[in-house]
Protein backbone atom coordinates (compact mmCIF):
# COMPACT_ATOMS: atom_id res chain seq x y z
CA MET A 1 -32.66 -7.43 30.57
CA ALA A 2 -33.23 -5.45 27.32
CA ASN A 3 -31.89 -6.84 24.04
CA PRO A 4 -28.86 -4.94 22.84
CA SER A 5 -29.59 -2.22 20.31
CA PRO A 6 -28.65 -2.91 16.68
CA ALA A 7 -25.86 -0.39 16.85
CA SER A 8 -24.26 -2.17 19.64
CA ARG A 9 -24.28 -5.65 17.85
CA THR A 10 -22.85 -3.78 14.78
CA LEU A 11 -19.96 -2.40 17.10
CA GLU A 12 -19.23 -5.83 18.37
CA ILE A 13 -19.52 -7.84 15.24
CA ARG A 14 -16.88 -5.03 13.64
CA ARG A 15 -14.67 -5.20 16.78
CA SER A 16 -14.62 -9.03 16.33
CA ILE A 17 -13.66 -8.87 12.69
CA LEU A 18 -10.83 -6.41 13.29
CA GLU A 19 -9.51 -8.58 16.06
CA LYS A 20 -9.41 -11.61 13.96
CA ASN A 21 -7.52 -9.64 11.45
CA GLU A 22 -5.07 -8.26 13.62
CA ARG A 23 -4.16 -11.93 14.89
CA LEU A 24 -3.78 -12.77 11.26
CA ALA A 25 -1.63 -9.80 10.29
CA GLU A 26 0.69 -10.55 13.03
CA ARG A 27 0.89 -14.16 11.73
CA ASN A 28 1.64 -12.58 8.32
CA ARG A 29 4.38 -10.30 9.72
CA GLY A 30 6.06 -13.13 11.42
CA PHE A 31 6.14 -15.23 8.15
CA PHE A 32 7.52 -12.13 6.34
CA HIS A 33 10.11 -11.73 8.99
CA ALA A 34 11.03 -15.17 8.86
CA ARG A 35 11.55 -14.80 5.09
CA LYS A 36 13.37 -11.43 5.34
CA LEU A 37 10.84 -10.06 2.96
CA LEU A 38 10.24 -6.41 2.91
CA VAL A 39 6.39 -5.75 2.29
CA LEU A 40 4.52 -2.73 0.97
CA ASN A 41 1.02 -2.21 1.27
CA VAL A 42 0.18 0.43 -1.38
CA LEU A 43 -3.25 2.30 -0.92
CA SER A 44 -4.81 5.09 -3.02
CA SER A 45 -8.11 6.03 -4.47
CA PRO A 46 -8.90 4.86 -7.90
CA GLY A 47 -7.08 6.71 -10.83
CA SER A 48 -4.18 7.76 -8.74
CA GLY A 49 -1.63 6.18 -10.82
CA LYS A 50 -1.00 3.33 -8.64
CA THR A 51 -0.58 0.56 -11.04
CA THR A 52 1.58 2.46 -13.32
CA LEU A 53 3.73 3.68 -10.55
CA LEU A 54 4.21 -0.10 -9.36
CA ILE A 55 5.20 -1.28 -12.94
CA GLU A 56 7.92 1.26 -13.08
CA THR A 57 9.05 0.73 -9.69
CA ILE A 58 9.41 -3.05 -10.25
CA ARG A 59 11.27 -2.30 -13.59
CA MET A 60 13.57 -0.17 -11.62
CA VAL A 61 14.46 -2.15 -8.66
CA GLN A 62 14.24 -5.65 -9.93
CA PRO A 63 18.01 -5.84 -11.02
CA ASP A 64 18.54 -5.54 -7.31
CA LEU A 65 15.64 -6.74 -5.49
CA LYS A 66 13.46 -9.72 -6.71
CA CYS A 67 9.87 -8.78 -6.49
CA GLY A 68 6.34 -10.30 -6.15
CA VAL A 69 2.92 -8.72 -6.35
CA ILE A 70 -0.54 -9.33 -4.95
CA VAL A 71 -3.13 -7.35 -6.47
CA GLY A 72 -6.69 -6.70 -5.05
CA ASP A 73 -9.56 -5.55 -7.22
CA LEU A 74 -13.20 -5.79 -6.91
CA ALA A 75 -13.47 -7.17 -10.53
CA THR A 76 -11.23 -7.90 -13.43
CA ASP A 77 -7.58 -8.91 -13.46
CA ASN A 78 -6.51 -5.82 -15.67
CA ASP A 79 -3.89 -4.70 -13.29
CA ALA A 80 -2.59 -8.09 -12.44
CA ARG A 81 -1.98 -8.67 -16.10
CA ARG A 82 -0.05 -5.28 -16.55
CA LEU A 83 1.99 -5.98 -13.74
CA GLY A 84 2.80 -9.48 -14.93
CA GLU A 85 4.36 -8.10 -17.92
CA THR A 86 7.23 -7.01 -15.79
CA GLY A 87 8.33 -10.54 -15.10
CA ALA A 88 7.53 -10.39 -11.45
CA PRO A 89 5.24 -13.22 -10.13
CA VAL A 90 1.59 -11.81 -9.69
CA VAL A 91 -1.33 -13.19 -7.64
CA GLN A 92 -4.95 -11.62 -8.15
CA ILE A 93 -7.27 -11.30 -5.29
CA THR A 94 -10.95 -10.47 -6.72
CA THR A 95 -12.82 -9.12 -3.72
CA GLY A 96 -16.33 -9.00 -5.28
CA THR A 97 -18.24 -6.52 -3.17
CA VAL A 98 -15.53 -6.10 -0.49
CA CYS A 99 -13.73 -2.83 -0.52
CA HIS A 100 -10.33 -3.76 1.04
CA LEU A 101 -7.86 -6.43 1.53
CA GLU A 102 -7.66 -8.54 4.73
CA ALA A 103 -4.82 -10.27 6.41
CA GLU A 104 -6.47 -13.64 5.61
CA MET A 105 -6.54 -13.06 1.89
CA VAL A 106 -2.95 -12.03 1.82
CA GLY A 107 -1.98 -15.09 3.75
CA ARG A 108 -3.64 -17.34 1.29
CA SER A 109 -2.23 -15.51 -1.60
CA VAL A 110 1.40 -15.40 -0.58
CA ALA A 111 1.20 -19.28 -0.58
CA GLN A 112 0.57 -19.13 -4.20
CA ILE A 113 3.93 -17.16 -4.98
CA ASP A 114 7.29 -18.85 -5.41
CA LEU A 115 9.24 -16.91 -2.48
CA THR A 116 12.64 -18.47 -3.52
CA GLY A 117 14.86 -15.32 -3.52
CA LEU A 118 12.15 -12.95 -3.21
CA GLN A 119 13.10 -9.79 -1.18
CA LEU A 120 10.22 -7.31 -1.91
CA LEU A 121 6.46 -7.98 -1.91
CA ILE A 122 4.11 -5.19 -3.07
CA ILE A 123 0.50 -5.47 -2.14
CA GLU A 124 -1.72 -3.25 -4.42
CA ASN A 125 -4.74 -2.86 -2.29
CA VAL A 126 -8.28 -2.08 -3.55
CA GLY A 127 -8.68 1.49 -4.67
CA ASN A 128 -10.35 3.20 -1.78
CA LEU A 129 -9.22 5.58 1.01
CA VAL A 130 -11.66 4.62 3.71
CA CYS A 131 -12.13 0.87 4.42
CA PRO A 132 -8.31 -0.31 3.93
CA ALA A 133 -7.26 2.19 6.63
CA SER A 134 -8.56 0.05 9.27
CA TYR A 135 -6.89 -3.31 8.06
CA ASP A 136 -3.34 -4.32 8.85
CA LEU A 137 -2.08 -6.83 6.29
CA GLY A 138 1.11 -7.64 8.06
CA GLU A 139 3.12 -5.13 5.97
CA HIS A 140 6.39 -3.45 7.06
CA LEU A 141 5.45 -0.06 5.20
CA ARG A 142 1.99 1.45 4.34
CA VAL A 143 2.40 3.64 1.15
CA VAL A 144 -0.38 6.00 0.37
CA LEU A 145 -0.65 7.57 -3.00
CA LEU A 146 -2.17 10.96 -3.92
CA SER A 147 -2.23 12.25 -7.41
CA VAL A 148 -2.08 16.22 -8.09
CA ALA A 149 -5.25 15.96 -9.85
CA GLU A 150 -7.28 14.82 -6.56
CA GLY A 151 -7.18 17.98 -4.67
CA GLU A 152 -4.78 19.33 -1.87
CA ASP A 153 -7.41 18.69 0.67
CA LYS A 154 -7.52 14.99 0.28
CA PRO A 155 -5.36 14.28 3.58
CA LEU A 156 -8.01 16.41 5.60
CA LYS A 157 -10.99 14.66 3.96
CA TYR A 158 -9.57 11.07 4.91
CA PRO A 159 -7.40 11.64 7.85
CA PRO A 160 -7.28 7.91 9.03
CA MET A 161 -5.84 6.80 5.87
CA PHE A 162 -3.01 9.40 5.85
CA GLN A 163 -2.47 9.06 9.62
CA SER A 164 -1.72 5.57 8.92
CA ALA A 165 0.73 6.14 6.26
CA ASP A 166 4.53 5.52 6.73
CA VAL A 167 4.97 7.06 3.21
CA VAL A 168 3.06 9.47 1.17
CA VAL A 169 3.61 9.44 -2.49
CA VAL A 170 2.25 12.51 -4.42
CA SER A 171 1.80 11.09 -8.03
CA LYS A 172 1.46 12.43 -11.54
CA MET A 173 3.86 15.37 -10.79
CA ASP A 174 4.12 15.95 -14.64
CA LEU A 175 0.32 17.05 -14.41
CA ALA A 176 1.13 19.57 -11.71
CA GLU A 177 0.86 22.81 -13.56
CA ALA A 178 -2.08 21.73 -15.69
CA CYS A 179 -4.10 20.77 -12.58
CA ASP A 180 -3.07 23.94 -10.81
CA PHE A 181 -1.60 22.01 -8.20
CA SER A 182 -0.61 23.91 -5.02
CA ARG A 183 2.51 22.07 -3.49
CA GLU A 184 2.69 24.41 -0.40
CA THR A 185 -1.10 23.91 0.48
CA LEU A 186 -0.60 20.07 0.04
CA MET A 187 2.57 19.80 2.15
CA GLY A 188 0.80 22.07 5.00
CA ASN A 189 -2.14 19.66 5.13
CA LEU A 190 0.19 16.58 5.05
CA ARG A 191 2.16 17.98 8.00
CA ARG A 192 -1.19 18.57 10.06
CA VAL A 193 -2.55 15.07 9.47
CA ALA A 194 0.70 12.84 8.82
CA PRO A 195 3.80 14.74 10.14
CA LYS A 196 5.80 11.63 10.48
CA ALA A 197 5.19 10.40 7.03
CA LYS A 198 8.10 10.40 4.47
CA VAL A 199 6.91 12.19 1.28
CA PHE A 200 7.89 11.42 -2.33
CA GLU A 201 6.92 13.65 -5.26
CA LEU A 202 6.80 11.47 -8.28
CA SER A 203 6.01 11.00 -12.02
CA ALA A 204 6.09 7.40 -13.18
CA ARG A 205 5.75 8.62 -16.84
CA SER A 206 8.27 11.27 -16.77
CA GLY A 207 10.61 9.61 -14.23
CA HIS A 208 10.58 12.69 -11.95
CA GLY A 209 11.67 11.61 -8.39
CA MET A 210 11.85 8.03 -9.38
CA GLU A 211 15.41 7.50 -8.75
CA ASP A 212 15.04 8.83 -5.01
CA TRP A 213 12.01 6.38 -4.59
CA LYS A 214 14.13 3.44 -5.82
CA ASN A 215 16.98 4.29 -3.58
CA TYR A 216 14.70 4.48 -0.59
CA LEU A 217 13.29 1.01 -1.27
CA LEU A 218 16.82 -0.46 -1.68
CA GLN A 219 18.10 1.18 1.53
CA GLU A 220 14.93 0.13 3.44
CA GLN A 221 15.63 -3.60 2.40
CA LYS A 222 19.18 -3.23 3.07
CA ARG A 223 18.70 -1.52 6.61
CA ARG A 224 16.35 -4.29 7.57
CA GLN A 225 18.39 -6.93 6.27
CA ASP A 226 21.43 -5.54 8.07
CA ARG A 227 19.67 -4.76 11.53
CA GLY A 228 17.20 -7.69 11.32
CA PHE A 229 13.46 -7.51 10.43
CA LEU A 230 12.53 -8.79 13.98
CA GLU A 231 13.82 -5.64 15.52
CA GLU A 232 11.47 -3.54 13.60
């Protein structure tokens, strides 16, 4: 029998990696369920304003929800230090050459956080709109950011990421006019690629839309708390 081609071996290895990740993601999800912890996996390309949005989000919700953060970056702990200024416990994952977070990384990092009273865990994934789309981390909500400066066709260029989104956040709305941003074009593209995703249009700097975003997170936590996380 002929040896399998390099392409087929690559496929088998990738499938094995993803299957292992899915098992560990389910384990994470069970742990989060048991703790009644709402978990967000926040994804975007670099420069979308993800860290700034998360800082303002934590500051707004912390009077009502105790938050923790896991930060993934190829290098440096710059974002983790900025997020730590909110008072929320933060764990840094430095991935080196790995362009995404994996369920095993998250599972190890959660063990480093004091979960006493924690209600919201935010995972800031590595800035990348390709690799992270394939990796379930055990989250309840996948939140994908797209800034007005990135182009209205981003959902069409990276469909797997946007198709996997529960929530799409259009960030940096304060720059929309300067960037000649076409809301109608973007919304049309999102309807084509991610018709079921909930969309928020926000500016963390100006505060535009932030109250709606805060209320959504509070409602999601309460809804799951009332109905039971295991029913989701």
